[in-house]
């Protein structure tokens, strides 16, 4: 296997395994990893328009997050309201139930990050992150992540 091919599959394997671990941990809460990302982005940045939310999502890059939001609205976790500044825009915020769930999701994410910290003890993640950031910088998912990194 060429090194570049192994790199590609290692990134894919790490992403799949990380997502599997997160999905298992979220299962008791009744949300998917993609729904959890929407909830966490809203927790950090609400109110957001649907387009604004879509610009910050890594899970749904290039696709409209409307299906995810519809399910979260139906579950009573997200509230949709016409923007007081522009009646053409709908603003999304977490409901009190959604805010409670966001706190639980944050705890699960912190547990996952602690596990990753343990597995990577002694590794220089700064160099790895710098490389991966440069690798995805011009791609939609990388751009969404860069927008989330800036307040």
Protein backbone atom coordinates (compact mmCIF):
# COMPACT_ATOMS: atom_id res chain seq x y z
CA UNK A 1 0.00 0.00 0.00
CA UNK A 2 1.34 3.42 -0.92
CA UNK A 3 1.78 5.83 2.01
CA UNK A 4 -0.78 8.25 0.57
CA UNK A 5 -3.31 5.40 0.23
CA UNK A 6 -2.68 4.32 3.81
CA UNK A 7 -3.10 7.92 4.95
CA UNK A 8 -6.48 8.12 3.18
CA UNK A 9 -7.70 4.92 4.80
CA UNK A 10 -6.31 5.82 8.23
CA UNK A 11 -8.23 9.13 8.15
CA UNK A 12 -11.38 7.30 7.05
CA UNK A 13 -10.95 4.62 9.73
CA UNK A 14 -10.33 7.18 12.47
CA UNK A 15 -13.40 9.17 11.40
CA UNK A 16 -15.62 6.09 11.29
CA UNK A 17 -14.45 4.76 14.64
CA UNK A 18 -14.75 8.16 16.31
CA UNK A 19 -18.26 8.57 14.91
CA UNK A 20 -19.17 5.03 16.01
CA UNK A 21 -18.03 5.75 19.57
CA UNK A 22 -19.91 9.05 19.65
CA UNK A 23 -23.05 7.48 18.17
CA UNK A 24 -23.03 4.72 20.79
CA UNK A 25 -22.66 7.25 23.59
CA UNK A 26 -25.47 9.42 22.19
CA UNK A 27 -27.89 6.53 21.66
CA UNK A 28 -29.45 6.74 25.16
CA UNK A 29 -30.24 10.41 24.48
CA UNK A 30 -32.12 9.50 21.29
CA UNK A 31 -30.08 11.71 18.96
CA UNK A 32 -27.69 10.99 16.12
CA UNK A 33 -24.19 12.44 15.85
CA UNK A 34 -25.44 14.83 13.15
CA UNK A 35 -28.35 15.99 15.31
CA UNK A 36 -25.96 16.44 18.23
CA UNK A 37 -23.75 18.65 16.08
CA UNK A 38 -26.73 20.86 15.20
CA UNK A 39 -27.68 21.13 18.87
CA UNK A 40 -24.12 21.98 19.93
CA UNK A 41 -23.68 24.59 17.19
CA UNK A 42 -26.94 26.21 18.25
CA UNK A 43 -25.84 26.08 21.87
CA UNK A 44 -22.69 28.00 20.96
CA UNK A 45 -24.06 30.38 18.31
CA UNK A 46 -27.85 30.82 18.61
CA UNK A 47 -29.87 32.41 17.21
CA UNK A 48 -28.94 31.24 13.71
CA UNK A 49 -30.74 31.19 10.40
CA UNK A 50 -30.93 27.87 8.59
CA UNK A 51 -28.26 29.08 6.15
CA UNK A 52 -26.10 30.32 9.01
CA UNK A 53 -26.38 26.96 10.70
CA UNK A 54 -25.55 25.14 7.46
CA UNK A 55 -22.40 27.23 7.07
CA UNK A 56 -21.11 25.89 10.40
CA UNK A 57 -21.93 22.19 10.07
CA UNK A 58 -19.30 19.61 9.21
CA UNK A 59 -21.78 16.70 9.23
CA UNK A 60 -23.97 18.15 6.46
CA UNK A 61 -21.50 20.05 4.30
CA UNK A 62 -22.98 20.97 0.97
CA UNK A 63 -26.47 19.86 1.97
CA UNK A 64 -29.23 21.83 3.56
CA UNK A 65 -29.59 21.03 7.24
CA UNK A 66 -33.37 21.43 6.93
CA UNK A 67 -34.16 17.72 7.46
CA UNK A 68 -32.09 17.65 10.63
CA UNK A 69 -33.72 20.82 11.91
CA UNK A 70 -37.22 19.56 11.05
CA UNK A 71 -36.67 16.46 13.19
CA UNK A 72 -35.31 18.53 16.06
CA UNK A 73 -38.26 20.95 15.86
CA UNK A 74 -40.69 18.01 15.83
CA UNK A 75 -38.94 16.58 18.90
CA UNK A 76 -39.34 19.89 20.76
CA UNK A 77 -35.59 20.57 20.89
CA UNK A 78 -35.34 23.50 18.46
CA UNK A 79 -37.62 26.51 18.11
CA UNK A 80 -38.17 28.30 14.79
CA UNK A 81 -39.19 31.95 14.83
CA UNK A 82 -39.39 34.70 12.24
CA UNK A 83 -36.49 37.09 12.65
CA UNK A 84 -37.54 40.43 14.17
CA UNK A 85 -34.91 42.10 11.93
CA UNK A 86 -35.92 40.49 8.63
CA UNK A 87 -39.24 38.71 8.21
CA UNK A 88 -37.82 36.67 5.33
CA UNK A 89 -35.47 34.84 7.71
CA UNK A 90 -36.29 32.18 10.25
CA UNK A 91 -34.13 32.10 13.37
CA UNK A 92 -33.37 28.87 15.16
CA UNK A 93 -32.82 28.58 18.90
CA UNK A 94 -32.79 25.75 21.38
CA UNK A 95 -35.86 25.15 23.48
CA UNK A 96 -35.31 24.62 27.23
CA UNK A 97 -35.44 20.87 26.53
CA UNK A 98 -32.88 21.33 23.74
CA UNK A 99 -30.61 23.33 26.05
CA UNK A 100 -30.76 20.54 28.64
CA UNK A 101 -29.90 18.00 25.96
CA UNK A 102 -27.03 20.19 24.76
CA UNK A 103 -25.50 20.03 28.24
CA UNK A 104 -25.74 16.24 28.20
CA UNK A 105 -24.19 16.09 24.72
CA UNK A 106 -21.34 18.30 25.94
CA UNK A 107 -20.65 15.83 28.78
CA UNK A 108 -20.58 12.93 26.30
CA UNK A 109 -18.23 14.82 23.99
CA UNK A 110 -15.94 15.63 26.90
CA UNK A 111 -15.82 11.92 27.78
CA UNK A 112 -14.88 11.08 24.20
CA UNK A 113 -12.20 13.78 24.20
CA UNK A 114 -10.78 12.40 27.46
CA UNK A 115 -10.55 8.95 25.87
CA UNK A 116 -8.79 10.40 22.85
CA UNK A 117 -6.43 12.34 25.15
CA UNK A 118 -5.52 9.06 26.85
CA UNK A 119 -4.99 7.23 23.54
CA UNK A 120 -2.84 10.04 22.15
CA UNK A 121 -0.80 10.76 25.30
CA UNK A 122 2.64 11.88 24.25
CA UNK A 123 1.66 12.59 20.64
CA UNK A 124 1.99 16.10 19.27
CA UNK A 125 -1.57 16.74 18.08
CA UNK A 126 -0.66 20.29 17.12
CA UNK A 127 1.39 19.06 14.16
CA UNK A 128 -1.26 16.55 13.13
CA UNK A 129 -4.02 19.16 13.43
CA UNK A 130 -1.99 21.71 11.45
CA UNK A 131 -1.51 19.18 8.65
CA UNK A 132 -5.17 18.11 8.59
CA UNK A 133 -6.36 21.75 8.72
CA UNK A 134 -4.20 22.54 5.68
CA UNK A 135 -5.42 19.37 3.94
CA UNK A 136 -9.11 20.40 4.21
CA UNK A 137 -8.68 24.18 4.16
CA UNK A 138 -10.11 24.68 0.66
CA UNK A 139 -12.85 22.08 1.01
CA UNK A 140 -16.40 22.72 2.27
CA UNK A 141 -16.03 20.73 5.51
CA UNK A 142 -12.72 22.41 6.27
CA UNK A 143 -14.23 25.83 5.63
CA UNK A 144 -17.19 25.06 7.91
CA UNK A 145 -14.78 24.00 10.66
CA UNK A 146 -12.70 27.17 10.19
CA UNK A 147 -15.85 29.31 10.53
CA UNK A 148 -16.70 27.51 13.79
CA UNK A 149 -13.22 28.13 15.14
CA UNK A 150 -13.68 31.89 14.87
CA UNK A 151 -16.23 33.48 17.20
